[in-house]
């Protein structure tokens, strides 16, 4: 049931992005994540509590990022950082292997991207924001790596989409310095798909 409702809610949200109805967006964005939490509740395994904790902190991040201001952005960043730490704990406990070359490759991609955005990040928020973003990138990179090491195709697709979602969000915020509808579509489609894969298939 929750799967169908989450899909319907996300599709409605994508329509609202086009119409730019702010209050409806504020309603549908957390509602969709709540429904994805419901998808996670439908699964029954020993990872459920950790997974749900990650999803709940993601919901908090969604709510904080709906509002403008650096304080709200930092709170959103901290919420998603906490969610990723729960996911790392969960993925690490079930990993099938280790492959240093994959970790090196992921960090290389992340480092190049951070170097590209660094001047804009530092200009906007100084050393505090720069360090916060750097720590977040390190954590999400480890999250993606340990998910890959589970050899679960759906999970790997999901966390890679998370990577794309956050990279696009950073591009929109720090390079464009203004909300861009095309970026918002990419961010939210990949984000909801990522959370759904984690909730439904892991």
N, C-alpha and C. Protein backbone atom coordinates (compact mmCIF):
# COMPACT_ATOMS: atom_id res chain seq x y z
N UNK A 1 0.82 -1.20 0.00
CA UNK A 1 0.00 0.00 0.00
C UNK A 1 0.87 1.27 0.00
N UNK A 2 1.84 1.30 0.91
CA UNK A 2 2.68 2.49 1.02
C UNK A 2 3.48 2.74 -0.27
N UNK A 3 3.85 1.66 -0.94
CA UNK A 3 4.61 1.81 -2.19
C UNK A 3 3.80 2.60 -3.21
N UNK A 4 2.57 2.21 -3.42
CA UNK A 4 1.72 2.90 -4.39
C UNK A 4 1.46 4.35 -3.98
N UNK A 5 1.22 4.57 -2.70
CA UNK A 5 0.97 5.93 -2.22
C UNK A 5 2.21 6.81 -2.37
N UNK A 6 3.39 6.23 -2.10
CA UNK A 6 4.63 6.99 -2.24
C UNK A 6 4.87 7.38 -3.70
N UNK A 7 4.58 6.48 -4.62
CA UNK A 7 4.75 6.77 -6.04
C UNK A 7 3.79 7.88 -6.48
N UNK A 8 2.53 7.78 -6.05
CA UNK A 8 1.53 8.80 -6.41
C UNK A 8 1.93 10.16 -5.84
N UNK A 9 2.34 10.17 -4.57
CA UNK A 9 2.73 11.43 -3.93
C UNK A 9 3.94 12.07 -4.61
N UNK A 10 4.91 11.25 -4.98
CA UNK A 10 6.10 11.79 -5.65
C UNK A 10 5.75 12.35 -7.02
N UNK A 11 4.87 11.66 -7.75
CA UNK A 11 4.46 12.15 -9.06
C UNK A 11 3.71 13.48 -8.93
N UNK A 12 2.87 13.59 -7.92
CA UNK A 12 2.18 14.85 -7.67
C UNK A 12 3.17 15.97 -7.35
N UNK A 13 4.20 15.62 -6.58
CA UNK A 13 5.22 16.61 -6.23
C UNK A 13 5.94 17.11 -7.49
N UNK A 14 6.23 16.20 -8.41
CA UNK A 14 6.91 16.60 -9.64
C UNK A 14 6.02 17.54 -10.47
N UNK A 15 4.72 17.31 -10.44
CA UNK A 15 3.80 18.21 -11.14
C UNK A 15 3.79 19.58 -10.48
N UNK A 16 3.86 19.60 -9.15
CA UNK A 16 3.83 20.85 -8.41
C UNK A 16 5.11 21.66 -8.64
N UNK A 17 6.23 20.98 -8.87
CA UNK A 17 7.47 21.69 -9.21
C UNK A 17 7.24 22.56 -10.45
N UNK A 18 6.53 22.02 -11.42
CA UNK A 18 6.27 22.75 -12.65
C UNK A 18 5.37 23.96 -12.40
N UNK A 19 4.35 23.79 -11.56
CA UNK A 19 3.42 24.88 -11.30
C UNK A 19 3.96 25.85 -10.25
N UNK A 20 4.97 25.38 -9.49
CA UNK A 20 5.62 26.20 -8.46
C UNK A 20 4.63 26.67 -7.39
N UNK A 21 3.75 25.76 -6.98
CA UNK A 21 2.81 26.06 -5.90
C UNK A 21 3.51 25.77 -4.57
N UNK A 22 4.01 26.81 -3.93
CA UNK A 22 4.92 26.66 -2.80
C UNK A 22 4.31 25.88 -1.65
N UNK A 23 3.10 26.23 -1.24
CA UNK A 23 2.50 25.58 -0.07
C UNK A 23 2.19 24.11 -0.33
N UNK A 24 1.80 23.79 -1.55
CA UNK A 24 1.54 22.38 -1.88
C UNK A 24 2.85 21.61 -1.89
N UNK A 25 3.92 22.24 -2.35
CA UNK A 25 5.25 21.61 -2.31
C UNK A 25 5.64 21.32 -0.86
N UNK A 26 5.39 22.29 0.02
CA UNK A 26 5.72 22.11 1.44
C UNK A 26 4.92 20.97 2.07
N UNK A 27 3.75 20.72 1.53
CA UNK A 27 2.93 19.62 2.03
C UNK A 27 3.39 18.28 1.47
N UNK A 28 3.63 18.24 0.16
CA UNK A 28 3.92 16.98 -0.51
C UNK A 28 5.34 16.47 -0.27
N UNK A 29 6.30 17.38 -0.08
CA UNK A 29 7.68 16.94 0.06
C UNK A 29 7.87 16.04 1.29
N UNK A 30 7.51 16.49 2.51
CA UNK A 30 7.64 15.59 3.65
C UNK A 30 6.66 14.43 3.63
N UNK A 31 5.48 14.65 3.03
CA UNK A 31 4.51 13.57 2.95
C UNK A 31 5.06 12.39 2.16
N UNK A 32 5.74 12.68 1.06
CA UNK A 32 6.31 11.62 0.24
C UNK A 32 7.37 10.85 1.02
N UNK A 33 8.21 11.56 1.77
CA UNK A 33 9.22 10.88 2.57
C UNK A 33 8.56 10.06 3.68
N UNK A 34 7.50 10.59 4.27
CA UNK A 34 6.76 9.82 5.28
C UNK A 34 6.23 8.51 4.70
N UNK A 35 5.71 8.57 3.49
CA UNK A 35 5.19 7.37 2.84
C UNK A 35 6.32 6.38 2.53
N UNK A 36 7.51 6.90 2.20
CA UNK A 36 8.66 6.02 1.98
C UNK A 36 9.07 5.37 3.30
N UNK A 37 8.95 6.10 4.42
CA UNK A 37 9.17 5.48 5.72
C UNK A 37 8.18 4.34 5.93
N UNK A 38 6.94 4.55 5.49
CA UNK A 38 5.95 3.48 5.55
C UNK A 38 6.37 2.27 4.74
N UNK A 39 6.99 2.51 3.58
CA UNK A 39 7.52 1.40 2.77
C UNK A 39 8.57 0.63 3.57
N UNK A 40 9.43 1.37 4.28
CA UNK A 40 10.44 0.72 5.11
C UNK A 40 9.82 -0.09 6.24
N UNK A 41 8.72 0.38 6.79
CA UNK A 41 8.05 -0.33 7.88
C UNK A 41 7.44 -1.65 7.41
N UNK A 42 7.14 -1.73 6.12
CA UNK A 42 6.55 -2.96 5.59
C UNK A 42 7.54 -4.11 5.54
N UNK A 43 8.84 -3.79 5.51
CA UNK A 43 9.84 -4.86 5.51
C UNK A 43 10.05 -5.33 6.94
N UNK A 44 10.49 -6.56 7.08
CA UNK A 44 10.65 -7.14 8.41
C UNK A 44 12.00 -7.85 8.48
N UNK A 45 13.02 -7.11 8.93
CA UNK A 45 14.33 -7.73 9.10
C UNK A 45 15.06 -7.05 10.25
N UNK A 46 16.21 -7.58 10.62
CA UNK A 46 16.92 -7.08 11.80
C UNK A 46 17.59 -5.73 11.56
N UNK A 47 17.50 -5.22 10.32
CA UNK A 47 18.08 -3.91 10.00
C UNK A 47 17.04 -2.79 10.09
N UNK A 48 15.81 -3.15 10.38
CA UNK A 48 14.71 -2.20 10.24
C UNK A 48 14.87 -0.95 11.10
N UNK A 49 15.28 -1.11 12.35
CA UNK A 49 15.38 0.05 13.24
C UNK A 49 16.42 1.05 12.73
N UNK A 50 17.56 0.54 12.29
CA UNK A 50 18.61 1.42 11.77
C UNK A 50 18.15 2.10 10.49
N UNK A 51 17.51 1.33 9.62
CA UNK A 51 17.01 1.90 8.36
C UNK A 51 15.98 2.99 8.62
N UNK A 52 15.08 2.75 9.55
CA UNK A 52 14.05 3.73 9.85
C UNK A 52 14.64 4.98 10.48
N UNK A 53 15.69 4.82 11.29
CA UNK A 53 16.36 5.99 11.87
C UNK A 53 16.95 6.85 10.76
N UNK A 54 17.57 6.22 9.76
CA UNK A 54 18.11 6.95 8.63
C UNK A 54 17.02 7.68 7.86
N UNK A 55 15.90 7.03 7.67
CA UNK A 55 14.80 7.65 6.94
C UNK A 55 14.18 8.81 7.72
N UNK A 56 14.08 8.66 9.04
CA UNK A 56 13.51 9.73 9.86
C UNK A 56 14.42 10.97 9.84
N UNK A 57 15.74 10.77 9.94
CA UNK A 57 16.64 11.92 9.86
C UNK A 57 16.62 12.54 8.46
N UNK A 58 16.37 11.72 7.44
CA UNK A 58 16.20 12.26 6.09
C UNK A 58 14.95 13.14 6.02
N UNK A 59 13.89 12.70 6.69
CA UNK A 59 12.65 13.50 6.74
C UNK A 59 12.93 14.85 7.40
N UNK A 60 13.69 14.84 8.49
CA UNK A 60 14.05 16.10 9.14
C UNK A 60 14.85 16.99 8.20
N UNK A 61 15.77 16.37 7.46
CA UNK A 61 16.55 17.12 6.48
C UNK A 61 15.67 17.74 5.41
N UNK A 62 14.69 16.99 4.95
CA UNK A 62 13.73 17.52 3.97
C UNK A 62 13.04 18.77 4.50
N UNK A 63 12.60 18.69 5.76
CA UNK A 63 11.87 19.81 6.35
C UNK A 63 12.76 21.04 6.49
N UNK A 64 13.98 20.85 7.00
CA UNK A 64 14.89 21.99 7.17
C UNK A 64 15.22 22.65 5.83
N UNK A 65 15.43 21.83 4.79
CA UNK A 65 15.84 22.38 3.50
C UNK A 65 14.70 23.06 2.75
N UNK A 66 13.48 22.94 3.25
CA UNK A 66 12.38 23.66 2.63
C UNK A 66 12.47 25.16 2.90
N UNK A 67 13.22 25.53 3.93
CA UNK A 67 13.31 26.93 4.33
C UNK A 67 14.64 27.53 3.89
N UNK A 68 14.65 28.82 3.70
CA UNK A 68 15.86 29.51 3.24
C UNK A 68 16.73 29.90 4.43
N UNK A 69 17.97 30.24 4.13
CA UNK A 69 18.89 30.68 5.18
C UNK A 69 19.97 29.65 5.44
N UNK A 70 21.16 30.15 5.79
CA UNK A 70 22.29 29.26 6.03
C UNK A 70 22.08 28.36 7.24
N UNK A 71 21.38 28.87 8.27
CA UNK A 71 21.12 28.05 9.45
C UNK A 71 20.29 26.83 9.09
N UNK A 72 19.26 27.03 8.28
CA UNK A 72 18.41 25.92 7.87
C UNK A 72 19.19 24.93 6.99
N UNK A 73 20.06 25.47 6.15
CA UNK A 73 20.87 24.59 5.29
C UNK A 73 21.81 23.73 6.14
N UNK A 74 22.43 24.35 7.15
CA UNK A 74 23.34 23.59 8.03
C UNK A 74 22.57 22.52 8.80
N UNK A 75 21.38 22.86 9.28
CA UNK A 75 20.55 21.87 9.99
C UNK A 75 20.15 20.73 9.05
N UNK A 76 19.81 21.08 7.82
CA UNK A 76 19.48 20.04 6.84
C UNK A 76 20.67 19.16 6.54
N UNK A 77 21.83 19.79 6.39
CA UNK A 77 23.06 19.05 6.13
C UNK A 77 23.37 18.10 7.28
N UNK A 78 23.22 18.60 8.51
CA UNK A 78 23.49 17.77 9.69
C UNK A 78 22.51 16.60 9.79
N UNK A 79 21.26 16.84 9.42
CA UNK A 79 20.25 15.77 9.46
C UNK A 79 20.58 14.66 8.46
N UNK A 80 20.92 15.06 7.25
CA UNK A 80 21.27 14.06 6.24
C UNK A 80 22.61 13.39 6.56
N UNK A 81 23.52 14.12 7.17
CA UNK A 81 24.78 13.52 7.61
C UNK A 81 24.50 12.41 8.62
N UNK A 82 23.61 12.67 9.56
CA UNK A 82 23.24 11.67 10.56
C UNK A 82 22.56 10.47 9.89
N UNK A 83 21.69 10.75 8.92
CA UNK A 83 21.03 9.66 8.19
C UNK A 83 22.06 8.77 7.50
N UNK A 84 23.06 9.39 6.88
CA UNK A 84 24.09 8.61 6.19
C UNK A 84 24.93 7.78 7.16
N UNK A 85 25.15 8.31 8.36
CA UNK A 85 25.90 7.54 9.36
C UNK A 85 25.11 6.28 9.75
N UNK A 86 23.81 6.41 9.91
CA UNK A 86 22.98 5.22 10.17
C UNK A 86 23.06 4.24 9.00
N UNK A 87 23.01 4.76 7.77
CA UNK A 87 23.10 3.89 6.60
C UNK A 87 24.46 3.20 6.53
N UNK A 88 25.53 3.94 6.84
CA UNK A 88 26.87 3.34 6.84
C UNK A 88 26.92 2.18 7.83
N UNK A 89 26.42 2.42 9.02
CA UNK A 89 26.39 1.36 10.05
C UNK A 89 25.65 0.13 9.54
N UNK A 90 24.53 0.36 8.88
CA UNK A 90 23.72 -0.73 8.38
C UNK A 90 24.41 -1.47 7.23
N UNK A 91 24.97 -0.74 6.28
CA UNK A 91 25.61 -1.36 5.12
C UNK A 91 26.91 -2.06 5.51
N UNK A 92 27.64 -1.45 6.44
CA UNK A 92 28.92 -2.04 6.86
C UNK A 92 28.70 -3.42 7.50
N UNK A 93 27.61 -3.55 8.25
CA UNK A 93 27.33 -4.80 8.93
C UNK A 93 26.97 -5.95 8.01
N UNK A 94 26.62 -5.63 6.76
CA UNK A 94 26.20 -6.70 5.83
C UNK A 94 27.06 -6.75 4.57
N UNK A 95 28.17 -6.00 4.56
CA UNK A 95 29.00 -5.97 3.34
C UNK A 95 29.57 -7.36 3.05
N UNK A 96 29.72 -7.63 1.76
CA UNK A 96 30.20 -8.94 1.32
C UNK A 96 31.70 -8.94 1.05
N UNK A 97 32.28 -7.79 0.83
CA UNK A 97 33.69 -7.73 0.43
C UNK A 97 34.21 -6.32 0.65
N UNK A 98 35.51 -6.15 0.45
CA UNK A 98 36.15 -4.83 0.43
C UNK A 98 36.91 -4.70 -0.89
N UNK A 99 36.90 -3.54 -1.46
CA UNK A 99 37.62 -3.30 -2.71
C UNK A 99 38.15 -1.86 -2.69
N UNK A 100 39.42 -1.73 -2.34
CA UNK A 100 40.03 -0.42 -2.16
C UNK A 100 39.96 0.43 -3.42
N UNK A 101 40.06 -0.20 -4.58
CA UNK A 101 40.05 0.57 -5.82
C UNK A 101 38.72 1.30 -6.02
N UNK A 102 37.62 0.67 -5.58
CA UNK A 102 36.31 1.31 -5.69
C UNK A 102 36.25 2.53 -4.77
N UNK A 103 36.73 2.37 -3.54
CA UNK A 103 36.74 3.48 -2.59
C UNK A 103 37.60 4.63 -3.12
N UNK A 104 38.76 4.29 -3.68
CA UNK A 104 39.65 5.31 -4.24
C UNK A 104 38.97 6.04 -5.40
N UNK A 105 38.29 5.29 -6.25
CA UNK A 105 37.59 5.89 -7.39
C UNK A 105 36.49 6.84 -6.95
N UNK A 106 35.71 6.42 -5.95
CA UNK A 106 34.63 7.27 -5.45
C UNK A 106 35.18 8.55 -4.82
N UNK A 107 36.25 8.43 -4.04
CA UNK A 107 36.83 9.61 -3.41
C UNK A 107 37.49 10.54 -4.45
N UNK A 108 37.99 9.95 -5.51
CA UNK A 108 38.56 10.78 -6.58
C UNK A 108 37.49 11.63 -7.23
N UNK A 109 36.35 11.01 -7.52
CA UNK A 109 35.22 11.74 -8.12
C UNK A 109 34.75 12.84 -7.17
N UNK A 110 34.59 12.48 -5.88
CA UNK A 110 34.11 13.43 -4.89
C UNK A 110 35.09 14.59 -4.71
N UNK A 111 36.39 14.29 -4.72
CA UNK A 111 37.41 15.33 -4.53
C UNK A 111 37.43 16.32 -5.69
N UNK A 112 37.32 15.79 -6.90
CA UNK A 112 37.30 16.66 -8.08
C UNK A 112 36.08 17.58 -8.04
N UNK A 113 34.95 17.02 -7.68
CA UNK A 113 33.72 17.81 -7.64
C UNK A 113 33.80 18.88 -6.55
N UNK A 114 34.32 18.49 -5.37
CA UNK A 114 34.46 19.46 -4.28
C UNK A 114 35.42 20.58 -4.66
N UNK A 115 36.52 20.24 -5.33
CA UNK A 115 37.48 21.25 -5.78
C UNK A 115 36.84 22.23 -6.74
N UNK A 116 35.94 21.71 -7.57
CA UNK A 116 35.24 22.55 -8.54
C UNK A 116 34.32 23.56 -7.84
N UNK A 117 33.66 23.12 -6.76
CA UNK A 117 32.70 23.98 -6.06
C UNK A 117 33.32 24.77 -4.91
N UNK A 118 34.53 24.40 -4.51
CA UNK A 118 35.15 25.00 -3.32
C UNK A 118 35.13 26.53 -3.30
N UNK A 119 35.54 27.22 -4.38
CA UNK A 119 35.55 28.69 -4.31
C UNK A 119 34.17 29.28 -3.98
N UNK A 120 33.13 28.71 -4.59
CA UNK A 120 31.77 29.22 -4.35
C UNK A 120 31.31 28.90 -2.94
N UNK A 121 31.65 27.70 -2.44
CA UNK A 121 31.25 27.32 -1.08
C UNK A 121 31.91 28.25 -0.06
N UNK A 122 33.21 28.47 -0.23
CA UNK A 122 33.96 29.31 0.72
C UNK A 122 33.46 30.75 0.67
N UNK A 123 33.17 31.23 -0.52
CA UNK A 123 32.68 32.60 -0.65
C UNK A 123 31.32 32.77 0.02
N UNK A 124 30.50 31.75 -0.05
CA UNK A 124 29.15 31.87 0.50
C UNK A 124 29.11 31.68 2.01
N UNK A 125 29.91 30.74 2.54
CA UNK A 125 29.79 30.44 3.96
C UNK A 125 31.08 30.38 4.75
N UNK A 126 32.19 30.72 4.12
CA UNK A 126 33.46 30.73 4.84
C UNK A 126 33.93 29.34 5.23
N UNK A 127 34.81 29.30 6.21
CA UNK A 127 35.45 28.05 6.60
C UNK A 127 34.47 27.06 7.23
N UNK A 128 33.48 27.59 7.97
CA UNK A 128 32.53 26.70 8.65
C UNK A 128 31.73 25.89 7.65
N UNK A 129 31.14 26.56 6.67
CA UNK A 129 30.36 25.87 5.65
C UNK A 129 31.25 24.96 4.81
N UNK A 130 32.45 25.41 4.50
CA UNK A 130 33.37 24.61 3.69
C UNK A 130 33.71 23.29 4.39
N UNK A 131 34.01 23.37 5.68
CA UNK A 131 34.32 22.15 6.45
C UNK A 131 33.09 21.26 6.55
N UNK A 132 31.93 21.86 6.78
CA UNK A 132 30.70 21.08 6.91
C UNK A 132 30.41 20.31 5.62
N UNK A 133 30.55 20.97 4.48
CA UNK A 133 30.31 20.32 3.19
C UNK A 133 31.36 19.23 2.94
N UNK A 134 32.62 19.50 3.29
CA UNK A 134 33.68 18.51 3.09
C UNK A 134 33.42 17.26 3.92
N UNK A 135 33.02 17.44 5.17
CA UNK A 135 32.71 16.29 6.04
C UNK A 135 31.53 15.51 5.48
N UNK A 136 30.52 16.23 5.00
CA UNK A 136 29.35 15.57 4.42
C UNK A 136 29.74 14.73 3.21
N UNK A 137 30.60 15.27 2.36
CA UNK A 137 31.03 14.55 1.17
C UNK A 137 31.79 13.28 1.55
N UNK A 138 32.64 13.37 2.56
CA UNK A 138 33.38 12.19 3.02
C UNK A 138 32.41 11.11 3.50
N UNK A 139 31.43 11.52 4.30
CA UNK A 139 30.49 10.55 4.87
C UNK A 139 29.63 9.91 3.78
N UNK A 140 29.09 10.70 2.85
CA UNK A 140 28.23 10.10 1.83
C UNK A 140 29.04 9.21 0.89
N UNK A 141 30.32 9.53 0.70
CA UNK A 141 31.17 8.68 -0.14
C UNK A 141 31.36 7.31 0.52
N UNK A 142 31.60 7.30 1.82
CA UNK A 142 31.70 6.02 2.53
C UNK A 142 30.37 5.27 2.48
N UNK A 143 29.27 6.00 2.58
CA UNK A 143 27.95 5.35 2.52
C UNK A 143 27.76 4.65 1.18
N UNK A 144 28.11 5.34 0.10
CA UNK A 144 27.98 4.75 -1.24
C UNK A 144 28.90 3.53 -1.36
N UNK A 145 30.10 3.65 -0.86
CA UNK A 145 31.08 2.55 -0.97
C UNK A 145 30.56 1.30 -0.26
N UNK A 146 30.13 1.43 0.99
CA UNK A 146 29.69 0.24 1.72
C UNK A 146 28.40 -0.34 1.15
N UNK A 147 27.58 0.51 0.56
CA UNK A 147 26.40 -0.03 -0.14
C UNK A 147 26.82 -0.86 -1.34
N UNK A 148 27.78 -0.36 -2.11
CA UNK A 148 28.29 -1.11 -3.26
C UNK A 148 28.86 -2.45 -2.83
N UNK A 149 29.48 -2.50 -1.66
CA UNK A 149 30.13 -3.72 -1.19
C UNK A 149 29.13 -4.78 -0.72
N UNK A 150 27.84 -4.46 -0.76
CA UNK A 150 26.81 -5.44 -0.42
C UNK A 150 26.40 -6.29 -1.62
N UNK A 151 26.86 -5.90 -2.82
CA UNK A 151 26.51 -6.63 -4.04
C UNK A 151 25.00 -6.76 -4.23
N UNK A 152 24.28 -5.71 -3.85
CA UNK A 152 22.83 -5.65 -4.01
C UNK A 152 22.56 -4.62 -5.10
N UNK A 153 22.09 -5.07 -6.25
CA UNK A 153 21.94 -4.18 -7.40
C UNK A 153 21.00 -3.02 -7.11
N UNK A 154 19.84 -3.30 -6.52
CA UNK A 154 18.87 -2.24 -6.24
C UNK A 154 19.43 -1.22 -5.25
N UNK A 155 20.14 -1.72 -4.25
CA UNK A 155 20.75 -0.83 -3.27
C UNK A 155 21.83 0.02 -3.91
N UNK A 156 22.66 -0.58 -4.75
CA UNK A 156 23.73 0.16 -5.42
C UNK A 156 23.17 1.26 -6.31
N UNK A 157 22.10 0.96 -7.03
CA UNK A 157 21.45 1.98 -7.86
C UNK A 157 20.92 3.10 -6.99
N UNK A 158 20.30 2.74 -5.87
CA UNK A 158 19.72 3.74 -4.97
C UNK A 158 20.75 4.70 -4.42
N UNK A 159 21.86 4.18 -3.88
CA UNK A 159 22.86 5.07 -3.26
C UNK A 159 23.59 5.89 -4.32
N UNK A 160 23.77 5.34 -5.52
CA UNK A 160 24.39 6.13 -6.58
C UNK A 160 23.48 7.29 -6.98
N UNK A 161 22.17 7.05 -6.98
CA UNK A 161 21.22 8.14 -7.25
C UNK A 161 21.27 9.19 -6.15
N UNK A 162 21.52 8.75 -4.92
CA UNK A 162 21.70 9.69 -3.81
C UNK A 162 22.90 10.60 -4.08
N UNK A 163 23.97 10.00 -4.55
CA UNK A 163 25.18 10.73 -4.92
C UNK A 163 24.86 11.81 -5.95
N UNK A 164 24.10 11.42 -6.99
CA UNK A 164 23.72 12.36 -8.05
C UNK A 164 22.82 13.47 -7.51
N UNK A 165 21.87 13.09 -6.65
CA UNK A 165 20.96 14.07 -6.07
C UNK A 165 21.70 15.15 -5.30
N UNK A 166 22.61 14.72 -4.43
CA UNK A 166 23.35 15.70 -3.62
C UNK A 166 24.31 16.53 -4.47
N UNK A 167 24.91 15.90 -5.46
CA UNK A 167 25.82 16.66 -6.34
C UNK A 167 25.06 17.73 -7.11
N UNK A 168 23.86 17.41 -7.57
CA UNK A 168 23.05 18.39 -8.30
C UNK A 168 22.57 19.50 -7.38
N UNK A 169 22.19 19.14 -6.15
CA UNK A 169 21.77 20.14 -5.17
C UNK A 169 22.90 21.12 -4.88
N UNK A 170 24.12 20.60 -4.73
CA UNK A 170 25.27 21.47 -4.48
C UNK A 170 25.54 22.38 -5.66
N UNK A 171 25.41 21.84 -6.85
CA UNK A 171 25.61 22.64 -8.05
C UNK A 171 24.61 23.79 -8.11
N UNK A 172 23.36 23.48 -7.81
CA UNK A 172 22.30 24.49 -7.86
C UNK A 172 22.52 25.57 -6.81
N UNK A 173 22.91 25.16 -5.60
CA UNK A 173 23.04 26.12 -4.51
C UNK A 173 24.30 26.97 -4.62
N UNK A 174 25.43 26.33 -4.91
CA UNK A 174 26.69 27.04 -4.80
C UNK A 174 27.20 27.63 -6.12
N UNK A 175 26.72 27.10 -7.24
CA UNK A 175 27.19 27.62 -8.52
C UNK A 175 26.15 28.53 -9.17
N UNK A 176 24.89 28.06 -9.20
CA UNK A 176 23.84 28.88 -9.81
C UNK A 176 23.32 29.95 -8.85
N UNK A 177 23.40 29.69 -7.55
CA UNK A 177 22.95 30.63 -6.51
C UNK A 177 21.48 31.01 -6.66
N UNK A 178 20.71 30.16 -7.28
CA UNK A 178 19.28 30.43 -7.41
C UNK A 178 18.58 29.11 -7.74
N UNK A 179 17.35 28.95 -7.23
CA UNK A 179 16.62 27.72 -7.54
C UNK A 179 16.41 27.56 -9.04
N UNK A 180 16.73 26.40 -9.56
CA UNK A 180 16.55 26.11 -10.97
C UNK A 180 15.62 24.90 -11.09
N UNK A 181 14.54 25.07 -11.85
CA UNK A 181 13.54 24.01 -11.93
C UNK A 181 14.12 22.72 -12.47
N UNK A 182 15.02 22.79 -13.45
CA UNK A 182 15.62 21.58 -14.01
C UNK A 182 16.43 20.85 -12.95
N UNK A 183 17.18 21.61 -12.17
CA UNK A 183 17.97 20.98 -11.09
C UNK A 183 17.05 20.36 -10.04
N UNK A 184 15.95 21.05 -9.74
CA UNK A 184 15.04 20.53 -8.72
C UNK A 184 14.43 19.20 -9.16
N UNK A 185 14.10 19.08 -10.44
CA UNK A 185 13.59 17.80 -10.95
C UNK A 185 14.63 16.70 -10.76
N UNK A 186 15.86 16.97 -11.15
CA UNK A 186 16.92 15.96 -11.02
C UNK A 186 17.13 15.60 -9.55
N UNK A 187 17.21 16.62 -8.69
CA UNK A 187 17.45 16.38 -7.26
C UNK A 187 16.36 15.51 -6.66
N UNK A 188 15.11 15.85 -6.92
CA UNK A 188 14.02 15.15 -6.23
C UNK A 188 13.71 13.79 -6.84
N UNK A 189 13.83 13.65 -8.16
CA UNK A 189 13.60 12.33 -8.77
C UNK A 189 14.64 11.34 -8.28
N UNK A 190 15.91 11.74 -8.30
CA UNK A 190 16.97 10.83 -7.85
C UNK A 190 16.88 10.60 -6.34
N UNK A 191 16.50 11.62 -5.58
CA UNK A 191 16.41 11.49 -4.13
C UNK A 191 15.32 10.51 -3.72
N UNK A 192 14.12 10.70 -4.27
CA UNK A 192 13.02 9.79 -3.91
C UNK A 192 13.30 8.36 -4.37
N UNK A 193 13.89 8.23 -5.56
CA UNK A 193 14.23 6.89 -6.05
C UNK A 193 15.26 6.24 -5.14
N UNK A 194 16.25 7.03 -4.67
CA UNK A 194 17.29 6.50 -3.78
C UNK A 194 16.69 6.02 -2.46
N UNK A 195 15.89 6.86 -1.84
CA UNK A 195 15.30 6.48 -0.55
C UNK A 195 14.35 5.30 -0.71
N UNK A 196 13.64 5.25 -1.82
CA UNK A 196 12.74 4.13 -2.05
C UNK A 196 13.52 2.82 -2.19
N UNK A 197 14.64 2.87 -2.91
CA UNK A 197 15.45 1.65 -3.06
C UNK A 197 15.98 1.17 -1.72
N UNK A 198 16.41 2.10 -0.88
CA UNK A 198 16.91 1.72 0.45
C UNK A 198 15.78 1.14 1.30
N UNK A 199 14.62 1.82 1.28
CA UNK A 199 13.49 1.38 2.11
C UNK A 199 12.88 0.07 1.62
N UNK A 200 12.77 -0.08 0.33
CA UNK A 200 12.02 -1.21 -0.23
C UNK A 200 12.88 -2.46 -0.44
N UNK A 201 14.10 -2.27 -0.85
CA UNK A 201 14.88 -3.42 -1.31
C UNK A 201 16.03 -3.81 -0.37
N UNK A 202 16.11 -3.16 0.80
CA UNK A 202 17.20 -3.53 1.70
C UNK A 202 16.65 -3.81 3.10
